[in-house]
Amino acid sequence: MSDINSFEVLKVMGERNLDIRLAPLSNILRMQKTKHGTQVTIGVGGDVLQPIYAGRFVGGLILADKDQFEETKRELEKAPR
């Protein structure tokens, strides 16, 4: 059994133009610190309640250091293709 990480799976799904949805941090509706961590409410386009309840979607919140992300993006944009 090979170790395939989530990013590899998402990459292939993206290459195949399959159903991947992203709710960017600009869609955050509410954040609240609790004694067990943080609760985040984020808006998602379309009606996804039934597919989530039915177990047809998988997902999670991905966070990355903004400065590192933007620097890496700039590097990739400058790289010859």
C-alpha atoms as a PDB file:
ATOM      1  CA  MET A   1       0.000   0.000   0.000  1.00  0.00           C
ATOM      2  CA  SER A   2       1.526   3.331  -1.044  1.00  0.00           C
ATOM      3  CA  ASP A   3       1.375   6.505   1.004  1.00  0.00           C
ATOM      4  CA  ILE A   4      -0.592   9.026  -1.077  1.00  0.00           C
ATOM      5  CA  ASN A   5      -1.244  12.292   0.676  1.00  0.00           C
ATOM      6  CA  SER A   6      -4.331  14.487   0.359  1.00  0.00           C
ATOM      7  CA  PHE A   7      -2.530  17.029  -1.783  1.00  0.00           C
ATOM      8  CA  GLU A   8      -1.625  14.407  -4.368  1.00  0.00           C
ATOM      9  CA  VAL A   9      -5.250  13.273  -4.538  1.00  0.00           C
ATOM     10  CA  LEU A  10      -6.499  16.853  -4.880  1.00  0.00           C
ATOM     11  CA  LYS A  11      -3.927  17.508  -7.599  1.00  0.00           C
ATOM     12  CA  VAL A  12      -5.163  14.596  -9.683  1.00  0.00           C
ATOM     13  CA  MET A  13      -8.796  15.553  -9.077  1.00  0.00           C
ATOM     14  CA  GLY A  14      -7.976  19.083 -10.221  1.00  0.00           C
ATOM     15  CA  GLU A  15      -6.203  17.796 -13.315  1.00  0.00           C
ATOM     16  CA  ARG A  16      -9.339  15.802 -14.138  1.00  0.00           C
ATOM     17  CA  ASN A  17     -11.617  18.783 -13.453  1.00  0.00           C
ATOM     18  CA  LEU A  18     -13.544  16.845 -10.792  1.00  0.00           C
ATOM     19  CA  ASP A  19     -15.636  18.382  -8.012  1.00  0.00           C
ATOM     20  CA  ILE A  20     -13.331  20.251  -5.649  1.00  0.00           C
ATOM     21  CA  ARG A  21     -14.615  23.234  -3.702  1.00  0.00           C
ATOM     22  CA  LEU A  22     -12.686  25.765  -1.708  1.00  0.00           C
ATOM     23  CA  ALA A  23     -14.093  28.257   0.726  1.00  0.00           C
ATOM     24  CA  PRO A  24     -11.388  30.935   1.048  1.00  0.00           C
ATOM     25  CA  LEU A  25     -10.706  32.689   4.317  1.00  0.00           C
ATOM     26  CA  SER A  26     -12.407  35.769   2.884  1.00  0.00           C
ATOM     27  CA  ASN A  27     -15.656  33.779   3.321  1.00  0.00           C
ATOM     28  CA  ILE A  28     -15.267  33.556   7.093  1.00  0.00           C
ATOM     29  CA  LEU A  29     -18.536  34.574   8.677  1.00  0.00           C
ATOM     30  CA  ARG A  30     -17.633  34.126  12.352  1.00  0.00           C
ATOM     31  CA  MET A  31     -14.710  33.053  14.555  1.00  0.00           C
ATOM     32  CA  GLN A  32     -14.816  32.344  18.271  1.00  0.00           C
ATOM     33  CA  LYS A  33     -12.116  31.104  20.620  1.00  0.00           C
ATOM     34  CA  THR A  34     -13.369  28.398  22.973  1.00  0.00           C
ATOM     35  CA  LYS A  35     -11.749  26.460  25.785  1.00  0.00           C
ATOM     36  CA  HIS A  36     -11.323  23.533  23.356  1.00  0.00           C
ATOM     37  CA  GLY A  37      -9.861  25.540  20.452  1.00  0.00           C
ATOM     38  CA  THR A  38     -11.513  27.760  17.874  1.00  0.00           C
ATOM     39  CA  GLN A  39     -14.889  27.592  16.147  1.00  0.00           C
ATOM     40  CA  VAL A  40     -14.876  28.917  12.586  1.00  0.00           C
ATOM     41  CA  THR A  41     -17.973  29.486  10.455  1.00  0.00           C
ATOM     42  CA  ILE A  42     -17.135  29.813   6.778  1.00  0.00           C
ATOM     43  CA  GLY A  43     -19.433  30.248   3.790  1.00  0.00           C
ATOM     44  CA  VAL A  44     -19.388  27.693   0.975  1.00  0.00           C
ATOM     45  CA  GLY A  45     -20.899  28.253  -2.461  1.00  0.00           C
ATOM     46  CA  GLY A  46     -23.919  26.146  -3.364  1.00  0.00           C
ATOM     47  CA  ASP A  47     -26.035  23.819  -1.256  1.00  0.00           C
ATOM     48  CA  VAL A  48     -23.631  21.315   0.268  1.00  0.00           C
ATOM     49  CA  LEU A  49     -25.630  20.245   3.338  1.00  0.00           C
ATOM     50  CA  GLN A  50     -27.180  17.077   1.913  1.00  0.00           C
ATOM     51  CA  PRO A  51     -23.961  15.850   0.249  1.00  0.00           C
ATOM     52  CA  ILE A  52     -22.095  16.387   3.548  1.00  0.00           C
ATOM     53  CA  TYR A  53     -24.785  14.605   5.581  1.00  0.00           C
ATOM     54  CA  ALA A  54     -24.866  11.773   3.020  1.00  0.00           C
ATOM     55  CA  GLY A  55     -21.097  11.342   3.245  1.00  0.00           C
ATOM     56  CA  ARG A  56     -20.532  12.267  -0.424  1.00  0.00           C
ATOM     57  CA  PHE A  57     -18.007  15.020   0.380  1.00  0.00           C
ATOM     58  CA  VAL A  58     -14.730  14.966   2.258  1.00  0.00           C
ATOM     59  CA  GLY A  59     -12.858  18.080   3.231  1.00  0.00           C
ATOM     60  CA  GLY A  60     -11.221  20.209   5.812  1.00  0.00           C
ATOM     61  CA  LEU A  61      -9.794  23.629   6.496  1.00  0.00           C
ATOM     62  CA  ILE A  62      -6.296  24.170   5.129  1.00  0.00           C
ATOM     63  CA  LEU A  63      -4.196  26.977   6.568  1.00  0.00           C
ATOM     64  CA  ALA A  64      -0.805  28.132   5.311  1.00  0.00           C
ATOM     65  CA  ASP A  65       1.602  30.873   6.348  1.00  0.00           C
ATOM     66  CA  LYS A  66       0.643  33.768   4.076  1.00  0.00           C
ATOM     67  CA  ASP A  67       4.166  35.132   3.609  1.00  0.00           C
ATOM     68  CA  GLN A  68       5.569  31.697   2.772  1.00  0.00           C
ATOM     69  CA  PHE A  69       2.661  30.974   0.432  1.00  0.00           C
ATOM     70  CA  GLU A  70       3.039  34.257  -1.451  1.00  0.00           C
ATOM     71  CA  GLU A  71       6.823  33.887  -1.720  1.00  0.00           C
ATOM     72  CA  THR A  72       6.471  30.357  -3.089  1.00  0.00           C
ATOM     73  CA  LYS A  73       3.804  31.536  -5.523  1.00  0.00           C
ATOM     74  CA  ARG A  74       6.078  34.334  -6.762  1.00  0.00           C
ATOM     75  CA  GLU A  75       8.921  31.843  -7.254  1.00  0.00           C
ATOM     76  CA  LEU A  76       6.697  29.485  -9.226  1.00  0.00           C
ATOM     77  CA  GLU A  77       5.332  32.315 -11.351  1.00  0.00           C
ATOM     78  CA  LYS A  78       8.891  33.373 -12.277  1.00  0.00           C
ATOM     79  CA  ALA A  79      10.042  29.816 -13.065  1.00  0.00           C
ATOM     80  CA  PRO A  80      10.296  28.931 -16.761  1.00  0.00           C
ATOM     81  CA  ARG A  81       7.567  26.607 -17.980  1.00  0.00           C
END
